[in-house]
Amino acid sequence: MTESINRQRSSARARPLRSAILTAAISTSLMFWAGVASADDTTPTLEEMWQIIQQQQAEIEKLKDQNTQLREKVEAPAPVAPVVMSSDSPSEALEPAPPEEDLDGPLFEIYGAAMVDTGYSRDPSNGDWFDVVRPTQLPAYDGEYGKDGDFWAGVRQSRLGFKSFTPTDLGELKTIFEFELFGVGSDAGQTTFRLRHAWGELGQWGAGQTWSPFMDPDVFPNSIEYWGPNGMVFFRNVQLRWTPWQDGASNFMMALERPGASGDRGNYSDRVELDGIKANFPLPDFTAHYRYAQDWGHVQVAGILRRIEWDDLNDDQYDLSGGATGWGINLSTNINLGRHVFRGSVVYGEGMENYMNDAPVDIGIQNDFGNPVSPIRGVTLPVLGIVAFLDLNWSEKWTSTIGYSYLDIDNSDGQSANAFRKGQYALANILYHPLPNLFFGPEIQYGQRNNYLDGYSSDNLRLQFSVKWNFDKSFGGF
């Protein structure tokens, strides 16, 4: 709830307490004088009257102290974790609403941010991703994206979102609709609208697009670089989700998610025999996680199981149809170190690269020359991802982040020599927060790419400076 709503509630609760004090004082006085009037012939002395008055005053002071303590408890802001400034802050996803007993009607919230990013990249990279660090988008050979670096600027991290919390007979109905200006896909490199969340929850059930249960959004560090650690599971997907158990921040959930995958033709990219290969997804992806949370932080273990198939539509001597099962395990944590936070994860699996934050294809080509009908076949590519970051909250106005991420692919022998094999990602920043809704500061970033077989590697050293203005306004709730 916003500060204004808290003030209204605390004022409403404080008024009966003040009335109680006055009522108690008046009642005590009336009882005293009634006792005096009803006495037969005994009139209290001045000393006895003074003792009674002192007792009354002590009772009034006691009630005042109780009122003050309760008012401080009501008006005091709830403990809040360090503000997350990252481009994909989990704090900007669907958060729990106030308890239903505190909501007499729907609560509606508008929030967002205007953010400007500027920077200089010492080394060249894919121009469609000029304002982010993605090792997969670094050159695979000399001169692929030119020779020199560039200065750049943009507002693509700016976003707008809407949330609602509505009490119903079936529980609280929660919704979120959020978009930003960071174009991807056919809009890569452009400032265009991009959907982030379109989600609803009622009780244990949720449906729409939001974080995959295979992902832990709290691993994302307090960075200003948009894309984030390459070795992190990061995917907002369309899903139907069930949360059969939840206790505070601990929970168990599972989901059926929209399937999808990509393949690499590798050394056979020019073969017409592969033109008729079409992907097929007979089942939704199945994901689940268990999260255990306490005051010290949380630990989460998540899994994914998926089926990827492909059909050969060509009418020739080969039958390149096939299928593979993808899977993965993701172990992640946040550990509170006083005011600071460690964020880390380790993920390993096969054929689930499209759930990773910055990974290449899910399926590679494996040579099988002894098979005359299918001399090549598709196989899932094993992947290992590691994330380790430390968010340092020096004070209310100064924060820093430092950390490292790593991604490694076990390539298949049909992939080209310059296929992506390994990527590294690191950054450090210092940010100043003069106001709760404003921060700015510099960040130094580094990315590296290593190829599969040819020994080539490329680096990208960058300096970024960003300013972010946040806004948030709530309506209703009473």
Protein backbone atom coordinates (compact mmCIF):
# COMPACT_ATOMS: atom_id res chain seq x y z
CA MET A 1 0.00 0.00 0.00
CA THR A 2 1.11 3.51 -0.59
CA GLU A 3 2.06 5.97 2.15
CA SER A 4 -1.21 7.92 1.71
CA ILE A 5 -3.27 4.77 2.26
CA ASN A 6 -1.23 3.93 5.37
CA ARG A 7 -1.82 7.43 6.74
CA GLN A 8 -5.58 7.10 6.23
CA ARG A 9 -5.63 3.75 7.99
CA SER A 10 -3.47 4.86 10.93
CA SER A 11 -5.59 7.98 11.40
CA ALA A 12 -8.76 5.90 11.35
CA ARG A 13 -7.31 3.56 13.98
CA ALA A 14 -5.94 6.36 16.17
CA ARG A 15 -9.27 8.22 16.49
CA PRO A 16 -10.96 5.49 18.60
CA LEU A 17 -7.94 5.38 20.90
CA ARG A 18 -8.10 9.12 21.60
CA SER A 19 -11.80 8.79 22.32
CA ALA A 20 -11.08 5.88 24.67
CA ILE A 21 -8.64 8.00 26.70
CA LEU A 22 -11.13 10.86 27.12
CA THR A 23 -13.93 8.44 27.97
CA ALA A 24 -11.79 6.70 30.59
CA ALA A 25 -10.80 10.00 32.21
CA ILE A 26 -14.37 11.29 32.34
CA SER A 27 -15.72 7.98 33.65
CA THR A 28 -13.12 7.84 36.41
CA SER A 29 -13.97 11.40 37.53
CA LEU A 30 -17.71 10.72 37.53
CA MET A 31 -17.23 7.57 39.57
CA PHE A 32 -15.15 9.49 42.10
CA TRP A 33 -17.62 12.32 42.59
CA ALA A 34 -20.55 9.89 42.68
CA GLY A 35 -18.77 8.05 45.46
CA VAL A 36 -18.28 11.30 47.36
CA ALA A 37 -21.92 12.30 46.98
CA SER A 38 -23.21 8.91 48.09
CA ALA A 39 -21.06 8.76 51.23
CA ASP A 40 -23.10 9.02 54.41
CA ASP A 41 -21.25 11.50 56.54
CA THR A 42 -17.67 10.74 55.60
CA THR A 43 -15.98 13.52 53.65
CA PRO A 44 -12.48 12.75 52.29
CA THR A 45 -9.68 14.91 53.52
CA LEU A 46 -7.66 17.09 51.18
CA GLU A 47 -4.75 14.62 51.34
CA GLU A 48 -7.02 11.71 50.34
CA MET A 49 -8.49 13.74 47.47
CA TRP A 50 -4.99 14.59 46.26
CA GLN A 51 -3.99 10.89 46.30
CA ILE A 52 -7.08 10.00 44.23
CA ILE A 53 -6.30 12.73 41.70
CA GLN A 54 -2.73 11.47 41.41
CA GLN A 55 -4.01 7.92 40.75
CA GLN A 56 -6.32 9.27 38.04
CA GLN A 57 -3.44 11.17 36.45
CA ALA A 58 -1.28 8.02 36.47
CA GLU A 59 -4.01 6.02 34.73
CA ILE A 60 -4.40 8.73 32.07
CA GLU A 61 -0.64 8.81 31.45
CA LYS A 62 -0.61 5.02 31.12
CA LEU A 63 -3.37 5.16 28.49
CA LYS A 64 -1.50 7.89 26.63
CA ASP A 65 1.67 5.74 26.52
CA GLN A 66 -0.30 2.77 25.19
CA ASN A 67 -1.87 4.99 22.52
CA THR A 68 1.54 6.34 21.46
CA GLN A 69 3.05 2.87 21.18
CA LEU A 70 0.13 1.56 19.13
CA ARG A 71 0.16 4.60 16.84
CA GLU A 72 3.90 4.13 16.19
CA LYS A 73 3.29 0.46 15.38
CA VAL A 74 0.46 1.34 12.96
CA GLU A 75 2.22 4.23 11.23
CA ALA A 76 5.70 2.71 11.05
CA PRO A 77 6.58 1.58 7.50
CA ALA A 78 6.93 -2.15 7.01
CA PRO A 79 10.49 -3.46 6.66
CA VAL A 80 11.48 -3.25 3.01
CA ALA A 81 14.28 -5.13 1.26
CA PRO A 82 16.88 -3.06 -0.59
CA VAL A 83 15.33 -1.51 -3.69
CA VAL A 84 16.09 -3.46 -6.85
CA MET A 85 17.07 -1.17 -9.71
CA SER A 86 17.63 -3.78 -12.39
CA SER A 87 15.85 -3.61 -15.69
CA ASP A 88 13.85 -6.68 -14.80
CA SER A 89 13.31 -5.99 -11.15
CA PRO A 90 11.26 -8.69 -9.47
CA SER A 91 9.74 -5.94 -7.37
CA GLU A 92 7.97 -4.79 -10.51
CA ALA A 93 6.31 -8.15 -11.09
CA LEU A 94 3.10 -9.28 -9.42
CA GLU A 95 3.59 -8.69 -5.69
CA PRO A 96 1.24 -9.77 -2.92
CA ALA A 97 -1.52 -7.30 -2.16
CA PRO A 98 -2.36 -6.18 1.37
CA PRO A 99 -4.33 -8.79 3.35
CA GLU A 100 -7.89 -9.14 2.12
CA GLU A 101 -9.31 -8.02 5.45
CA ASP A 102 -7.61 -4.64 4.83
CA LEU A 103 -9.27 -4.26 1.42
CA ASP A 104 -12.91 -3.18 1.34
CA GLY A 105 -12.81 -2.72 -2.42
CA PRO A 106 -10.56 -3.05 -5.48
CA LEU A 107 -7.05 -1.57 -5.33
CA PHE A 108 -5.62 -0.28 -8.61
CA GLU A 109 -1.99 0.74 -9.15
CA ILE A 110 -0.20 2.55 -11.97
CA TYR A 111 3.59 2.39 -11.97
CA GLY A 112 6.55 2.69 -14.28
CA ALA A 113 9.79 4.45 -15.00
CA ALA A 114 11.42 6.84 -17.43
CA MET A 115 15.03 5.76 -17.95
CA VAL A 116 17.82 7.11 -20.11
CA ASP A 117 20.94 5.05 -20.83
CA THR A 118 24.16 6.36 -22.31
CA GLY A 119 27.44 4.60 -22.83
CA TYR A 120 30.57 3.87 -24.80
CA SER A 121 31.50 0.45 -26.13
CA ARG A 122 35.21 0.02 -26.72
CA ASP A 123 34.71 -3.01 -28.94
CA PRO A 124 32.22 -3.78 -31.73
CA SER A 125 29.15 -6.00 -31.32
CA ASN A 126 25.92 -6.74 -33.18
CA GLY A 127 24.30 -3.36 -33.84
CA ASP A 128 20.83 -4.69 -33.00
CA TRP A 129 22.07 -5.10 -29.42
CA PHE A 130 24.10 -1.89 -29.13
CA ASP A 131 22.97 -1.02 -25.59
CA VAL A 132 23.38 -4.40 -23.85
CA VAL A 133 26.10 -6.94 -23.07
CA ARG A 134 25.35 -10.26 -24.80
CA PRO A 135 28.34 -12.57 -25.37
CA THR A 136 26.36 -14.45 -28.03
CA GLN A 137 26.16 -11.20 -30.02
CA LEU A 138 29.91 -10.52 -30.05
CA PRO A 139 31.88 -11.15 -33.27
CA ALA A 140 32.48 -14.79 -34.29
CA TYR A 141 35.38 -13.64 -36.54
CA ASP A 142 37.44 -10.50 -37.15
CA GLY A 143 35.50 -7.67 -38.72
CA GLU A 144 32.04 -9.25 -38.45
CA TYR A 145 30.62 -6.08 -36.84
CA GLY A 146 33.31 -3.59 -37.84
CA LYS A 147 36.51 -2.55 -36.11
CA ASP A 148 35.72 0.27 -33.69
CA GLY A 149 33.41 0.82 -30.75
CA ASP A 150 30.61 3.39 -30.47
CA PHE A 151 28.96 5.93 -28.20
CA TRP A 152 25.25 5.20 -27.80
CA ALA A 153 22.16 6.50 -25.99
CA GLY A 154 18.56 5.39 -25.63
CA VAL A 155 15.40 5.21 -23.53
CA ARG A 156 14.44 1.61 -24.30
CA GLN A 157 14.31 0.54 -20.63
CA SER A 158 11.40 2.93 -19.93
CA ARG A 159 8.22 1.09 -19.00
CA LEU A 160 4.62 1.36 -17.85
CA GLY A 161 2.55 -1.11 -15.81
CA PHE A 162 -0.85 -1.59 -14.21
CA LYS A 163 -1.82 -3.84 -11.28
CA SER A 164 -5.11 -4.59 -9.60
CA PHE A 165 -6.12 -6.44 -6.42
CA THR A 166 -9.82 -7.24 -6.05
CA PRO A 167 -11.44 -9.12 -3.13
CA THR A 168 -13.91 -11.79 -4.33
CA ASP A 169 -15.89 -14.67 -2.83
CA LEU A 170 -13.25 -17.04 -4.27
CA GLY A 171 -10.27 -15.15 -2.91
CA GLU A 172 -8.23 -12.21 -4.09
CA LEU A 173 -8.07 -11.60 -7.85
CA LYS A 174 -4.68 -10.18 -8.90
CA THR A 175 -3.81 -8.89 -12.36
CA ILE A 176 -0.83 -7.21 -13.99
CA PHE A 177 -0.26 -5.72 -17.43
CA GLU A 178 3.19 -4.30 -18.11
CA PHE A 179 5.18 -3.28 -21.17
CA GLU A 180 8.45 -1.56 -22.03
CA LEU A 181 10.13 -0.02 -25.09
CA PHE A 182 12.89 -2.58 -25.70
CA GLY A 183 12.33 -4.12 -29.13
CA VAL A 184 13.46 -7.71 -29.80
CA GLY A 185 12.91 -10.23 -32.60
CA SER A 186 11.99 -8.42 -35.81
CA ASP A 187 12.10 -5.15 -33.78
CA ALA A 188 15.61 -5.78 -32.42
CA GLY A 189 17.48 -2.51 -31.98
CA GLN A 190 14.30 -0.42 -32.14
CA THR A 191 12.42 1.60 -29.53
CA THR A 192 9.09 -0.25 -29.74
CA PHE A 193 6.45 -1.57 -27.37
CA ARG A 194 7.25 -4.98 -25.91
CA LEU A 195 4.93 -6.97 -23.64
CA ARG A 196 6.46 -8.07 -20.34
CA HIS A 197 3.57 -9.28 -18.17
CA ALA A 198 -0.07 -10.02 -18.98
CA TRP A 199 -1.12 -12.12 -16.02
CA GLY A 200 -3.95 -12.93 -13.64
CA GLU A 201 -4.21 -14.97 -10.42
CA LEU A 202 -7.16 -16.21 -8.38
CA GLY A 203 -6.39 -18.36 -5.38
CA GLN A 204 -4.01 -21.16 -6.33
CA TRP A 205 -4.39 -20.66 -10.10
CA GLY A 206 -2.78 -18.25 -12.53
CA ALA A 207 -2.76 -17.82 -16.31
CA GLY A 208 -1.13 -15.51 -18.84
CA GLN A 209 2.44 -14.39 -19.42
CA THR A 210 4.88 -13.87 -16.56
CA TRP A 211 8.05 -15.39 -15.04
CA SER A 212 8.51 -19.10 -15.68
CA PRO A 213 8.60 -21.23 -12.48
CA PHE A 214 11.92 -22.55 -13.83
CA MET A 215 13.31 -19.04 -13.27
CA ASP A 216 14.25 -17.24 -10.05
CA PRO A 217 13.84 -13.50 -10.78
CA ASP A 218 15.50 -12.59 -7.47
CA VAL A 219 18.86 -13.72 -8.87
CA PHE A 220 18.92 -10.65 -11.14
CA PRO A 221 21.42 -8.16 -9.64
CA ASN A 222 20.94 -4.42 -9.05
CA SER A 223 22.53 -3.50 -12.35
CA ILE A 224 21.67 -0.85 -14.94
CA GLU A 225 22.72 -3.04 -17.88
CA TYR A 226 19.44 -4.25 -19.35
CA TRP A 227 20.03 -7.83 -20.48
CA GLY A 228 21.66 -9.20 -17.33
CA PRO A 229 23.83 -12.23 -16.48
CA ASN A 230 24.19 -14.61 -19.43
CA GLY A 231 24.30 -17.74 -17.23
CA MET A 232 20.92 -17.05 -15.60
CA VAL A 233 17.61 -18.74 -16.39
CA PHE A 234 15.46 -15.83 -17.55
CA PHE A 235 12.19 -16.27 -19.41
CA ARG A 236 8.75 -14.67 -19.26
CA ASN A 237 6.45 -17.22 -20.89
CA VAL A 238 2.78 -17.89 -21.54
CA GLN A 239 1.61 -20.49 -19.01
CA LEU A 240 -1.10 -22.05 -16.91
CA ARG A 241 0.18 -22.27 -13.33
CA TRP A 242 -0.89 -24.01 -10.13
CA THR A 243 0.46 -23.20 -6.66
CA PRO A 244 -0.90 -25.94 -4.37
CA TRP A 245 1.17 -24.83 -1.35
CA GLN A 246 2.31 -21.44 -0.09
CA ASP A 247 3.49 -20.32 3.33
CA GLY A 248 4.63 -16.70 3.34
CA ALA A 249 7.41 -16.41 0.75
CA SER A 250 7.86 -20.21 0.62
CA ASN A 251 5.91 -22.05 -2.04
CA PHE A 252 5.63 -24.94 -4.45
CA MET A 253 4.32 -24.29 -7.96
CA MET A 254 4.10 -26.04 -11.32
CA ALA A 255 3.11 -24.88 -14.79
CA LEU A 256 2.36 -25.95 -18.34
CA GLU A 257 4.19 -23.47 -20.59
CA ARG A 258 4.21 -22.50 -24.25
CA PRO A 259 6.87 -24.67 -25.98
CA GLY A 260 9.51 -23.42 -28.40
CA ALA A 261 13.07 -24.16 -29.47
CA SER A 262 15.64 -23.40 -32.18
CA GLY A 263 18.21 -25.45 -34.09
CA ASP A 264 21.61 -24.93 -35.72
CA ARG A 265 22.26 -26.29 -39.22
CA GLY A 266 25.98 -25.91 -38.57
CA ASN A 267 28.19 -27.29 -41.35
CA TYR A 268 25.08 -28.19 -43.38
CA SER A 269 23.52 -24.73 -43.54
CA ASP A 270 23.71 -24.70 -47.35
CA ARG A 271 22.09 -28.12 -47.86
CA VAL A 272 18.65 -28.00 -49.46
CA GLU A 273 17.78 -31.26 -47.70
CA LEU A 274 17.33 -29.24 -44.51
CA ASP A 275 14.91 -26.74 -46.05
CA GLY A 276 11.99 -29.08 -45.47
CA ILE A 277 12.65 -29.64 -41.76
CA LYS A 278 9.85 -28.20 -39.63
CA ALA A 279 9.75 -28.10 -35.83
CA ASN A 280 6.90 -29.76 -33.97
CA PHE A 281 5.95 -29.44 -30.30
CA PRO A 282 3.40 -32.11 -29.32
CA LEU A 283 3.34 -31.21 -25.62
CA PRO A 284 3.62 -28.10 -23.45
CA ASP A 285 6.79 -27.59 -21.44
CA PHE A 286 6.39 -28.72 -17.84
CA THR A 287 8.12 -26.61 -15.16
CA ALA A 288 8.04 -26.57 -11.37
CA HIS A 289 9.91 -25.14 -8.40
CA TYR A 290 10.10 -25.39 -4.62
CA ARG A 291 11.19 -22.28 -2.69
CA TYR A 292 12.13 -22.23 0.99
CA ALA A 293 12.35 -18.72 2.44
CA GLN A 294 13.38 -17.45 5.86
CA ASP A 295 14.75 -14.21 7.35
CA TRP A 296 18.24 -15.09 6.07
CA GLY A 297 17.02 -15.26 2.44
CA HIS A 298 15.82 -18.17 0.33
CA VAL A 299 16.88 -21.23 -1.64
CA GLN A 300 14.98 -22.49 -4.68
CA VAL A 301 15.26 -25.66 -6.76
CA ALA A 302 13.48 -25.74 -10.12
CA GLY A 303 13.13 -28.20 -12.97
CA ILE A 304 11.94 -28.38 -16.57
CA LEU A 305 10.92 -31.26 -18.85
CA ARG A 306 10.06 -30.74 -22.54
CA ARG A 307 9.63 -32.59 -25.81
CA ILE A 308 11.04 -31.23 -29.09
CA GLU A 309 10.33 -32.93 -32.42
CA TRP A 310 10.96 -32.15 -36.08
CA ASP A 311 9.46 -33.51 -39.30
CA ASP A 312 11.19 -33.99 -42.67
CA LEU A 313 8.72 -32.84 -45.33
CA ASN A 314 11.04 -33.51 -48.28
CA ASP A 315 10.35 -36.38 -50.66
CA ASP A 316 13.86 -37.76 -51.16
CA GLN A 317 16.05 -40.67 -50.12
CA TYR A 318 16.66 -39.28 -46.64
CA ASP A 319 14.42 -39.23 -43.58
CA LEU A 320 15.75 -36.61 -41.19
CA SER A 321 12.72 -36.61 -38.90
CA GLY A 322 13.41 -37.01 -35.20
CA GLY A 323 12.88 -35.82 -31.69
CA ALA A 324 14.60 -35.22 -28.38
CA THR A 325 13.74 -34.64 -24.73
CA GLY A 326 15.00 -31.50 -23.06
CA TRP A 327 15.44 -31.13 -19.32
CA GLY A 328 17.13 -28.94 -16.73
CA ILE A 329 17.73 -28.34 -13.01
CA ASN A 330 18.18 -24.81 -11.63
CA LEU A 331 19.43 -24.21 -8.06
CA SER A 332 19.31 -20.58 -6.91
CA THR A 333 19.54 -18.51 -3.74
CA ASN A 334 19.54 -15.09 -2.09
CA ILE A 335 21.52 -14.76 1.15
CA ASN A 336 21.17 -11.65 3.32
CA LEU A 337 24.55 -10.52 4.67
CA GLY A 338 23.42 -7.76 6.98
CA ARG A 339 22.26 -4.99 4.66
CA HIS A 340 23.97 -6.63 1.68
CA VAL A 341 22.64 -9.48 -0.51
CA PHE A 342 24.37 -12.34 -2.31
CA ARG A 343 22.55 -13.57 -5.42
CA GLY A 344 23.61 -16.78 -7.09
CA SER A 345 22.50 -19.75 -9.20
CA VAL A 346 23.78 -22.86 -10.95
CA VAL A 347 21.82 -24.43 -13.80
CA TYR A 348 22.52 -27.50 -15.91
CA GLY A 349 20.46 -29.24 -18.56
CA GLU A 350 20.06 -30.21 -22.20
CA GLY A 351 17.90 -28.68 -24.91
CA MET A 352 16.47 -25.84 -22.81
CA GLU A 353 18.67 -22.97 -24.05
CA ASN A 354 15.70 -20.75 -24.94
CA TYR A 355 14.98 -20.45 -21.19
CA MET A 356 18.49 -19.07 -20.62
CA ASN A 357 19.14 -15.32 -20.58
CA ASP A 358 21.78 -15.40 -23.33
CA ALA A 359 22.36 -18.77 -24.97
CA PRO A 360 22.34 -20.03 -28.57
CA VAL A 361 20.25 -22.89 -29.99
CA ASP A 362 18.63 -25.87 -28.24
CA ILE A 363 19.33 -28.46 -30.97
CA GLY A 364 22.60 -29.12 -32.84
CA ILE A 365 23.51 -31.54 -35.63
CA GLN A 366 25.33 -34.79 -34.85
CA ASN A 367 27.06 -36.71 -37.66
CA ASP A 368 25.90 -40.31 -38.16
CA PHE A 369 27.53 -41.25 -41.47
CA GLY A 370 27.00 -44.98 -40.91
CA ASN A 371 23.24 -44.51 -41.34
CA PRO A 372 22.40 -44.25 -45.07
CA VAL A 373 18.83 -43.09 -44.43
CA SER A 374 19.66 -40.46 -41.83
CA PRO A 375 23.38 -39.55 -41.98
CA ILE A 376 22.83 -36.58 -39.64
CA ARG A 377 20.53 -36.21 -36.69
CA GLY A 378 19.48 -33.54 -34.23
CA VAL A 379 20.61 -33.73 -30.61
CA THR A 380 20.01 -31.59 -27.53
CA LEU A 381 22.97 -29.42 -26.51
CA PRO A 382 24.09 -29.61 -22.85
CA VAL A 383 24.43 -26.22 -21.13
CA LEU A 384 25.92 -25.04 -17.81
CA GLY A 385 25.18 -21.59 -16.37
CA ILE A 386 26.63 -19.91 -13.26
CA VAL A 387 25.71 -16.57 -11.61
CA ALA A 388 27.39 -14.95 -8.58
CA PHE A 389 26.64 -11.30 -7.65
CA LEU A 390 26.90 -9.20 -4.51
CA ASP A 391 24.58 -6.23 -4.00
CA LEU A 392 26.15 -3.79 -1.55
CA ASN A 393 23.72 -1.39 0.12
CA TRP A 394 26.09 1.09 1.74
CA SER A 395 23.31 3.43 2.87
CA GLU A 396 19.88 4.67 1.81
CA LYS A 397 21.55 6.83 -0.84
CA TRP A 398 24.48 4.72 -2.06
CA THR A 399 24.50 1.20 -3.50
CA SER A 400 26.94 -0.91 -5.50
CA THR A 401 26.87 -4.21 -7.35
CA ILE A 402 29.72 -6.46 -8.43
CA GLY A 403 29.58 -9.93 -9.94
CA TYR A 404 30.27 -12.49 -12.63
CA SER A 405 28.35 -14.94 -14.82
CA TYR A 406 29.42 -17.83 -17.06
CA LEU A 407 27.76 -19.96 -19.74
CA ASP A 408 29.20 -23.09 -21.37
CA ILE A 409 27.77 -25.14 -24.26
CA ASP A 410 28.79 -28.71 -25.10
CA ASN A 411 28.70 -28.43 -28.90
CA SER A 412 27.77 -31.24 -31.30
CA ASP A 413 30.25 -32.34 -33.98
CA GLY A 414 28.07 -31.09 -36.84
CA GLN A 415 28.26 -27.46 -35.68
CA SER A 416 30.61 -25.06 -37.42
CA ALA A 417 34.05 -24.24 -36.01
CA ASN A 418 32.96 -20.67 -35.14
CA ALA A 419 29.77 -21.73 -33.34
CA PHE A 420 29.32 -20.20 -29.87
CA ARG A 421 30.96 -22.30 -27.16
CA LYS A 422 31.46 -20.19 -24.02
CA GLY A 423 30.49 -16.73 -22.76
CA GLN A 424 31.54 -14.63 -19.77
CA TYR A 425 29.85 -11.57 -18.26
CA ALA A 426 30.91 -9.22 -15.45
CA LEU A 427 30.07 -5.75 -14.14
CA ALA A 428 30.53 -3.33 -11.25
CA ASN A 429 28.69 -0.10 -10.46
CA ILE A 430 28.09 2.61 -7.90
CA LEU A 431 24.68 4.29 -7.86
CA TYR A 432 23.38 7.35 -6.04
CA HIS A 433 19.76 7.61 -4.82
CA PRO A 434 19.06 11.23 -3.84
CA LEU A 435 15.31 10.46 -3.71
CA PRO A 436 13.36 7.23 -3.24
CA ASN A 437 12.13 7.45 -6.85
CA LEU A 438 15.37 8.58 -8.51
CA PHE A 439 18.82 7.09 -8.99
CA PHE A 440 21.75 7.55 -11.34
CA GLY A 441 25.33 6.42 -11.69
CA PRO A 442 28.02 4.69 -13.77
CA GLU A 443 28.63 1.02 -14.43
CA ILE A 444 31.58 -0.77 -16.03
CA GLN A 445 30.72 -3.94 -17.98
CA TYR A 446 32.63 -6.74 -19.70
CA GLY A 447 31.66 -9.57 -22.02
CA GLN A 448 33.65 -12.30 -23.78
CA ARG A 449 32.83 -14.91 -26.43
CA ASN A 450 34.76 -18.09 -27.25
CA ASN A 451 34.14 -20.19 -30.37
CA TYR A 452 33.73 -23.96 -30.64
CA LEU A 453 36.82 -25.15 -32.56
CA ASP A 454 38.75 -22.38 -34.30
CA GLY A 455 40.22 -20.83 -31.13
CA TYR A 456 38.76 -17.38 -31.85
CA SER A 457 37.53 -15.16 -29.00
CA SER A 458 36.19 -11.60 -28.82
CA ASP A 459 35.79 -9.12 -25.96
CA ASN A 460 33.59 -6.14 -25.20
CA LEU A 461 34.48 -3.55 -22.53
CA ARG A 462 31.81 -0.91 -21.92
CA LEU A 463 31.02 2.06 -19.67
CA GLN A 464 27.38 2.96 -19.08
CA PHE A 465 25.75 5.88 -17.25
CA SER A 466 22.01 5.81 -16.57
CA VAL A 467 19.32 7.90 -14.88
CA LYS A 468 16.02 6.33 -13.81
CA TRP A 469 12.87 8.10 -12.57
CA ASN A 470 10.25 5.85 -10.98
CA PHE A 471 6.59 6.63 -10.31
CA ASP A 472 3.81 4.77 -8.53
CA LYS A 473 0.23 5.71 -7.67
CA SER A 474 -2.49 3.62 -6.04
CA PHE A 475 -6.26 4.14 -6.10
CA GLY A 476 -9.07 2.57 -4.08
CA GLY A 477 -8.64 -0.19 -1.56
CA PHE A 478 -11.36 1.13 0.79
